[in-house]
Protein backbone atom coordinates (compact mmCIF):
# COMPACT_ATOMS: atom_id res chain seq x y z
CA MET A 1 5.82 -12.98 -16.49
CA PRO A 2 3.63 -11.38 -13.80
CA SER A 3 5.51 -9.37 -11.20
CA LYS A 4 5.60 -9.80 -7.45
CA SER A 5 5.08 -7.09 -4.86
CA ALA A 6 5.28 -7.02 -1.10
CA GLY A 7 3.51 -4.58 1.16
CA ILE A 8 2.36 -3.71 4.64
CA LEU A 9 -1.24 -3.29 5.76
CA LEU A 10 -0.74 -0.97 8.70
CA TYR A 11 -3.65 -0.61 11.11
CA ARG A 12 -4.67 1.11 14.32
CA MET A 13 -7.58 0.70 16.74
CA ARG A 14 -9.81 3.82 17.10
CA PRO A 15 -11.84 2.01 18.71
CA ASP A 16 -12.50 -0.10 15.63
CA ILE A 17 -9.91 -1.12 13.05
CA GLU A 18 -8.63 1.62 10.75
CA VAL A 19 -6.21 0.75 7.95
CA LEU A 20 -3.67 2.89 6.16
CA LEU A 21 -4.07 3.13 2.40
CA VAL A 22 -2.06 5.16 -0.07
CA HIS A 23 -3.14 6.94 -3.24
CA PRO A 24 -0.79 6.72 -6.23
CA GLY A 25 0.74 9.94 -7.47
CA GLY A 26 1.01 11.18 -11.02
CA PRO A 27 -1.41 12.57 -13.54
CA PHE A 28 -3.14 9.28 -14.42
CA TRP A 29 -4.41 8.81 -10.85
CA ARG A 30 -5.13 12.47 -10.03
CA ASN A 31 -8.93 12.24 -10.34
CA LYS A 32 -9.38 8.57 -9.47
CA ASP A 33 -10.59 7.51 -6.03
CA LEU A 34 -12.72 4.38 -5.58
CA GLY A 35 -10.61 1.33 -6.38
CA ALA A 36 -7.46 3.41 -6.82
CA TRP A 37 -6.04 3.16 -3.29
CA SER A 38 -3.61 0.45 -2.21
CA ILE A 39 -1.54 -0.83 0.64
CA PRO A 40 1.99 0.60 0.47
CA LYS A 41 3.85 -1.97 -1.61
CA GLY A 42 6.48 -2.45 -4.25
CA GLU A 43 8.05 -5.00 -6.51
CA TYR A 44 10.75 -7.43 -5.52
CA SER A 45 12.55 -10.16 -7.42
CA ASP A 46 13.18 -13.85 -6.91
CA GLY A 47 15.72 -14.45 -4.20
CA GLN A 48 14.74 -11.32 -2.26
CA ASP A 49 12.95 -11.58 1.08
CA ALA A 50 9.31 -10.44 0.84
CA GLU A 51 9.23 -9.01 4.37
CA ALA A 52 12.40 -6.99 3.80
CA ALA A 53 10.97 -5.73 0.50
CA ALA A 54 7.71 -4.72 2.21
CA ARG A 55 9.60 -2.74 4.86
CA ARG A 56 11.82 -1.09 2.22
CA GLU A 57 8.86 -0.10 0.04
CA PHE A 58 6.92 1.29 3.01
CA ALA A 59 9.88 3.49 3.93
CA GLU A 60 10.36 4.65 0.33
CA GLU A 61 6.70 5.45 -0.26
CA LEU A 62 5.95 7.11 3.07
CA GLY A 63 9.30 8.18 4.52
CA VAL A 64 8.56 6.19 7.69
CA GLU A 65 10.27 3.04 8.90
CA VAL A 66 8.00 0.43 10.43
CA THR A 67 9.55 -1.29 13.43
CA GLY A 68 8.25 -4.34 15.18
CA PRO A 69 7.21 -7.81 14.09
CA LEU A 70 4.99 -8.20 11.04
CA THR A 71 2.19 -10.76 10.76
CA ALA A 72 1.90 -12.54 7.40
CA LEU A 73 -1.43 -12.05 5.61
CA GLY A 74 -0.47 -14.29 2.70
CA ASP A 75 -0.65 -13.66 -1.03
CA ILE A 76 -3.34 -12.27 -3.29
CA LYS A 77 -3.46 -11.98 -7.08
CA GLN A 78 -4.50 -8.73 -8.70
CA ARG A 79 -6.40 -8.53 -11.97
CA GLY A 80 -3.25 -8.00 -14.06
CA GLY A 81 -1.68 -11.14 -12.61
CA LYS A 82 0.61 -9.44 -10.09
CA THR A 83 1.04 -11.39 -6.85
CA VAL A 84 1.08 -9.27 -3.70
CA THR A 85 2.52 -10.70 -0.49
CA ALA A 86 1.20 -8.74 2.45
CA PHE A 87 2.06 -8.30 6.10
CA ALA A 88 0.15 -6.55 8.90
CA ILE A 89 1.23 -4.53 11.90
CA GLU A 90 -0.54 -2.34 14.42
CA PHE A 91 1.28 0.97 14.14
CA ASP A 92 0.28 4.63 13.89
CA ILE A 93 1.80 7.34 11.75
CA ASP A 94 1.05 10.99 11.01
CA THR A 95 -0.34 10.89 7.49
CA GLN A 96 0.22 14.63 7.09
CA SER A 97 3.99 14.24 7.32
CA ILE A 98 4.59 11.50 4.77
CA HIS A 99 7.38 11.99 2.25
CA SER A 100 7.32 9.81 -0.86
CA ASN A 101 10.01 9.01 -3.36
CA THR A 102 9.38 10.27 -6.90
CA PHE A 103 9.31 8.99 -10.46
CA GLU A 104 9.91 10.79 -13.74
CA LEU A 105 7.37 10.81 -16.57
CA GLU A 106 6.98 12.58 -19.88
CA TRP A 107 4.05 14.91 -19.23
CA PRO A 108 2.02 15.94 -21.07
CA PRO A 109 2.36 12.91 -23.36
CA ARG A 110 4.53 13.43 -26.44
CA SER A 111 5.49 16.90 -25.22
CA GLY A 112 9.16 16.12 -24.73
CA LYS A 113 8.88 17.56 -21.19
CA ARG A 114 9.79 15.34 -18.26
CA GLN A 115 8.32 15.95 -14.82
CA ASN A 116 8.79 14.38 -11.42
CA PHE A 117 5.78 13.11 -9.52
CA PRO A 118 5.51 11.56 -6.04
CA GLU A 119 4.96 7.81 -6.11
CA ILE A 120 2.32 8.37 -3.41
CA ASP A 121 0.45 11.66 -3.28
CA ARG A 122 -1.43 10.99 -0.03
CA ALA A 123 -2.03 8.45 2.71
CA GLU A 124 -5.08 8.14 4.92
CA PHE A 125 -6.54 5.87 7.56
CA PHE A 126 -9.96 4.40 6.74
CA ALA A 127 -12.46 2.28 8.64
CA LEU A 128 -12.70 -1.18 7.07
CA ASP A 129 -16.00 -0.54 5.26
CA GLU A 130 -14.69 2.64 3.63
CA ALA A 131 -11.32 1.00 2.90
CA ALA A 132 -13.15 -1.80 1.05
CA ARG A 133 -14.59 0.81 -1.33
CA LYS A 134 -11.31 2.68 -1.79
CA ILE A 135 -8.83 -0.19 -2.16
CA ASN A 136 -7.85 -1.92 -5.39
CA GLU A 137 -10.40 -4.71 -5.83
CA GLY A 138 -7.75 -7.44 -5.83
CA GLN A 139 -6.49 -6.33 -2.41
CA ARG A 140 -9.89 -6.49 -0.65
CA PRO A 141 -9.23 -10.01 0.69
CA LEU A 142 -6.35 -8.53 2.73
CA LEU A 143 -8.85 -6.40 4.66
CA GLU A 144 -10.92 -9.50 5.44
CA ARG A 145 -7.83 -11.43 6.56
CA LEU A 146 -6.76 -8.55 8.82
CA ALA A 147 -10.24 -8.30 10.38
CA ARG A 148 -10.17 -12.03 11.09
CA LEU A 149 -6.69 -11.81 12.65
CA VAL A 150 -7.63 -8.93 14.92
CA ARG A 151 -10.95 -10.54 15.86
CA ASP A 152 -9.15 -13.77 16.75
CA GLY A 153 -6.54 -11.84 18.75
CA ARG A 154 -3.59 -12.83 16.57
CA GLY A 155 -2.95 -9.47 14.88
């Protein structure tokens, strides 16, 4: 059964829209860039509140709590079938001071050695056109929805 994730598309105006994307940590993603970035997000299960999960995952992945009301951007489906429920908020953070939670992985493979890696190895703000190149293809519609919200004055 495909999983569900919830995340936050954080943005700021400089003077145009810039969005915060995160790059996954770990050896698999080390040399990947275009299409590898994502909104900060994480899985949640049936019965859990998507907005609460999005706030929790943002805090875990970046070490920053987002305060203030979130605007729903709706759901998207990624290539693997995962459904991502996204929310937007205008908020600014210092990307140089993020602190991500970690995960453990046997590395190198079949070595018997276990290493800890950050779930997120970096976060950056990007203009929408650059973000569209960097973000996971399935999440691109979220950028379009955010642009429409901000343009219409609802974001």
